PDB file of N, CA and C in Angstrom:
ATOM      1  N   MET A   1      70.999  53.297  98.537  1.00  0.00           N
ATOM      2  CA  MET A   1      71.254  54.431  99.404  1.00  0.00           C
ATOM      3  C   MET A   1      71.956  54.006 100.686  1.00  0.00           C
ATOM      4  N   GLY A   2      72.478  52.802 100.731  1.00  0.00           N
ATOM      5  CA  GLY A   2      73.179  52.344 101.921  1.00  0.00           C
ATOM      6  C   GLY A   2      74.613  52.811 101.928  1.00  0.00           C
ATOM      7  N   GLY A   3      75.402  52.242 102.829  1.00  0.00           N
ATOM      8  CA  GLY A   3      76.793  52.642 102.963  1.00  0.00           C
ATOM      9  C   GLY A   3      77.674  52.157 101.826  1.00  0.00           C
ATOM     10  N   HIS A   4      77.315  51.045 101.200  1.00  0.00           N
ATOM     11  CA  HIS A   4      78.057  50.467 100.080  1.00  0.00           C
ATOM     12  C   HIS A   4      79.530  50.283 100.399  1.00  0.00           C
ATOM     13  N   GLY A   5      79.858  49.973 101.639  1.00  0.00           N
ATOM     14  CA  GLY A   5      81.231  49.677 102.013  1.00  0.00           C
ATOM     15  C   GLY A   5      82.166  50.869 102.053  1.00  0.00           C
ATOM     16  N   HIS A   6      81.655  52.070 102.194  1.00  0.00           N
ATOM     17  CA  HIS A   6      82.494  53.262 102.222  1.00  0.00           C
ATOM     18  C   HIS A   6      82.863  53.681 103.636  1.00  0.00           C
ATOM     19  N   GLY A   7      82.751  52.812 104.572  1.00  0.00           N
ATOM     20  CA  GLY A   7      83.096  53.144 105.952  1.00  0.00           C
ATOM     21  C   GLY A   7      81.850  53.385 106.784  1.00  0.00           C
ATOM     22  N   PRO A   8      82.049  53.669 108.065  1.00  0.00           N
ATOM     23  CA  PRO A   8      80.902  53.886 108.955  1.00  0.00           C
ATOM     24  C   PRO A   8      80.151  55.161 108.578  1.00  0.00           C
ATOM     25  N   PRO A   9      78.885  55.229 108.952  1.00  0.00           N
ATOM     26  CA  PRO A   9      78.100  56.429 108.640  1.00  0.00           C
ATOM     27  C   PRO A   9      78.687  57.658 109.339  1.00  0.00           C
ATOM     28  N   TYR A  10      78.456  58.808 108.753  1.00  0.00           N
ATOM     29  CA  TYR A  10      78.970  60.069 109.294  1.00  0.00           C
ATOM     30  C   TYR A  10      78.346  60.351 110.647  1.00  0.00           C
ATOM     31  N   LYS A  11      79.177  60.710 111.621  1.00  0.00           N
ATOM     32  CA  LYS A  11      78.686  61.048 112.957  1.00  0.00           C
ATOM     33  C   LYS A  11      78.692  62.568 113.095  1.00  0.00           C
ATOM     34  N   ILE A  12      77.561  63.138 113.417  1.00  0.00           N
ATOM     35  CA  ILE A  12      77.430  64.586 113.572  1.00  0.00           C
ATOM     36  C   ILE A  12      78.046  64.998 114.906  1.00  0.00           C
ATOM     37  N   PRO A  13      79.000  65.943 114.878  1.00  0.00           N
ATOM     38  CA  PRO A  13      79.629  66.374 116.131  1.00  0.00           C
ATOM     39  C   PRO A  13      78.661  67.184 116.992  1.00  0.00           C
ATOM     40  N   SER A  14      78.907  67.176 118.281  1.00  0.00           N
ATOM     41  CA  SER A  14      78.074  67.929 119.218  1.00  0.00           C
ATOM     42  C   SER A  14      78.334  69.423 119.065  1.00  0.00           C
ATOM     43  N   TYR A  15      77.286  70.216 119.128  1.00  0.00           N
ATOM     44  CA  TYR A  15      77.428  71.669 119.028  1.00  0.00           C
ATOM     45  C   TYR A  15      78.223  72.229 120.209  1.00  0.00           C
ATOM     46  N   GLU A  16      78.252  71.492 121.306  1.00  0.00           N
ATOM     47  CA  GLU A  16      78.902  71.979 122.518  1.00  0.00           C
ATOM     48  C   GLU A  16      80.424  72.065 122.384  1.00  0.00           C
ATOM     49  N   GLN A  17      80.998  71.393 121.393  1.00  0.00           N
ATOM     50  CA  GLN A  17      82.453  71.426 121.254  1.00  0.00           C
ATOM     51  C   GLN A  17      82.935  72.676 120.526  1.00  0.00           C
ATOM     52  N   PHE A  18      82.022  73.445 119.952  1.00  0.00           N
ATOM     53  CA  PHE A  18      82.396  74.645 119.217  1.00  0.00           C
ATOM     54  C   PHE A  18      82.138  75.882 120.073  1.00  0.00           C
ATOM     55  N   THR A  19      83.033  76.861 119.979  1.00  0.00           N
ATOM     56  CA  THR A  19      82.906  78.079 120.768  1.00  0.00           C
ATOM     57  C   THR A  19      83.379  79.273 119.944  1.00  0.00           C
ATOM     58  N   ILE A  20      82.900  80.455 120.283  1.00  0.00           N
ATOM     59  CA  ILE A  20      83.319  81.659 119.557  1.00  0.00           C
ATOM     60  C   ILE A  20      84.530  82.301 120.211  1.00  0.00           C
ATOM     61  N   LYS A  21      84.923  81.807 121.365  1.00  0.00           N
ATOM     62  CA  LYS A  21      86.068  82.393 122.067  1.00  0.00           C
ATOM     63  C   LYS A  21      87.311  82.260 121.197  1.00  0.00           C
ATOM     64  N   GLY A  22      88.022  83.376 121.047  1.00  0.00           N
ATOM     65  CA  GLY A  22      89.233  83.366 120.241  1.00  0.00           C
ATOM     66  C   GLY A  22      89.001  83.764 118.791  1.00  0.00           C
ATOM     67  N   ILE A  23      87.739  84.032 118.416  1.00  0.00           N
ATOM     68  CA  ILE A  23      87.421  84.492 117.060  1.00  0.00           C
ATOM     69  C   ILE A  23      86.919  85.930 117.200  1.00  0.00           C
ATOM     70  N   PRO A  24      87.808  86.909 116.960  1.00  0.00           N
ATOM     71  CA  PRO A  24      87.479  88.319 117.225  1.00  0.00           C
ATOM     72  C   PRO A  24      86.199  88.806 116.550  1.00  0.00           C
ATOM     73  N   GLN A  25      85.969  88.423 115.303  1.00  0.00           N
ATOM     74  CA  GLN A  25      84.782  88.904 114.589  1.00  0.00           C
ATOM     75  C   GLN A  25      83.499  88.424 115.271  1.00  0.00           C
ATOM     76  N   LEU A  26      83.481  87.182 115.720  1.00  0.00           N
ATOM     77  CA  LEU A  26      82.276  86.662 116.369  1.00  0.00           C
ATOM     78  C   LEU A  26      82.100  87.246 117.769  1.00  0.00           C
ATOM     79  N   GLU A  27      83.203  87.485 118.464  1.00  0.00           N
ATOM     80  CA  GLU A  27      83.110  88.114 119.784  1.00  0.00           C
ATOM     81  C   GLU A  27      82.564  89.533 119.659  1.00  0.00           C
ATOM     82  N   GLU A  28      83.014  90.270 118.636  1.00  0.00           N
ATOM     83  CA  GLU A  28      82.501  91.628 118.398  1.00  0.00           C
ATOM     84  C   GLU A  28      81.014  91.599 118.063  1.00  0.00           C
ATOM     85  N   LEU A  29      80.613  90.649 117.245  1.00  0.00           N
ATOM     86  CA  LEU A  29      79.201  90.522 116.879  1.00  0.00           C
ATOM     87  C   LEU A  29      78.355  90.241 118.113  1.00  0.00           C
ATOM     88  N   GLU A  30      78.836  89.343 118.966  1.00  0.00           N
ATOM     89  CA  GLU A  30      78.101  89.016 120.189  1.00  0.00           C
ATOM     90  C   GLU A  30      77.929  90.259 121.070  1.00  0.00           C
ATOM     91  N   LYS A  31      78.986  91.070 121.195  1.00  0.00           N
ATOM     92  CA  LYS A  31      78.913  92.291 122.009  1.00  0.00           C
ATOM     93  C   LYS A  31      77.956  93.311 121.395  1.00  0.00           C
ATOM     94  N   ALA A  32      77.991  93.446 120.062  1.00  0.00           N
ATOM     95  CA  ALA A  32      77.103  94.393 119.380  1.00  0.00           C
ATOM     96  C   ALA A  32      75.641  93.984 119.569  1.00  0.00           C
ATOM     97  N   LEU A  33      75.357  92.697 119.480  1.00  0.00           N
ATOM     98  CA  LEU A  33      73.988  92.219 119.682  1.00  0.00           C
ATOM     99  C   LEU A  33      73.557  92.430 121.130  1.00  0.00           C
ATOM    100  N   GLU A  34      74.497  92.187 122.062  1.00  0.00           N
ATOM    101  CA  GLU A  34      74.210  92.366 123.487  1.00  0.00           C
ATOM    102  C   GLU A  34      73.783  93.796 123.793  1.00  0.00           C
ATOM    103  N   LYS A  35      74.453  94.775 123.157  1.00  0.00           N
ATOM    104  CA  LYS A  35      74.126  96.186 123.370  1.00  0.00           C
ATOM    105  C   LYS A  35      72.696  96.496 122.943  1.00  0.00           C
ATOM    106  N   LYS A  36      72.193  95.744 121.967  1.00  0.00           N
ATOM    107  CA  LYS A  36      70.829  95.947 121.474  1.00  0.00           C
ATOM    108  C   LYS A  36      69.823  95.063 122.207  1.00  0.00           C
ATOM    109  N   GLY A  37      70.319  94.310 123.192  1.00  0.00           N
ATOM    110  CA  GLY A  37      69.440  93.437 123.959  1.00  0.00           C
ATOM    111  C   GLY A  37      69.100  92.150 123.231  1.00  0.00           C
ATOM    112  N   LEU A  38      69.950  91.772 122.281  1.00  0.00           N
ATOM    113  CA  LEU A  38      69.696  90.570 121.490  1.00  0.00           C
ATOM    114  C   LEU A  38      70.747  89.508 121.782  1.00  0.00           C
ATOM    115  N   ARG A  39      70.397  88.275 121.460  1.00  0.00           N
ATOM    116  CA  ARG A  39      71.334  87.166 121.609  1.00  0.00           C
ATOM    117  C   ARG A  39      71.094  86.210 120.455  1.00  0.00           C
ATOM    118  N   ASP A  40      72.168  85.847 119.766  1.00  0.00           N
ATOM    119  CA  ASP A  40      72.066  84.907 118.660  1.00  0.00           C
ATOM    120  C   ASP A  40      72.457  83.524 119.166  1.00  0.00           C
ATOM    121  N   PRO A  41      71.523  82.588 119.247  1.00  0.00           N
ATOM    122  CA  PRO A  41      71.846  81.265 119.769  1.00  0.00           C
ATOM    123  C   PRO A  41      72.739  80.446 118.840  1.00  0.00           C
ATOM    124  N   TRP A  42      72.938  80.912 117.623  1.00  0.00           N
ATOM    125  CA  TRP A  42      73.716  80.137 116.648  1.00  0.00           C
ATOM    126  C   TRP A  42      75.187  80.497 116.636  1.00  0.00           C
ATOM    127  N   ILE A  43      75.588  81.549 117.384  1.00  0.00           N
ATOM    128  CA  ILE A  43      77.023  81.865 117.424  1.00  0.00           C
ATOM    129  C   ILE A  43      77.591  81.514 118.771  1.00  0.00           C
TER     130      ILE A  43
END
């Protein structure tokens, strides 16, 4: 179960580098949830 010479182990990127800005569907979803007093921490 080791690397077996296939390169360095996979590095998980930071969640902070991803944003919903510029994705209309996700921005609309965020606004719709906001109107209901909700917030989705995953978007």
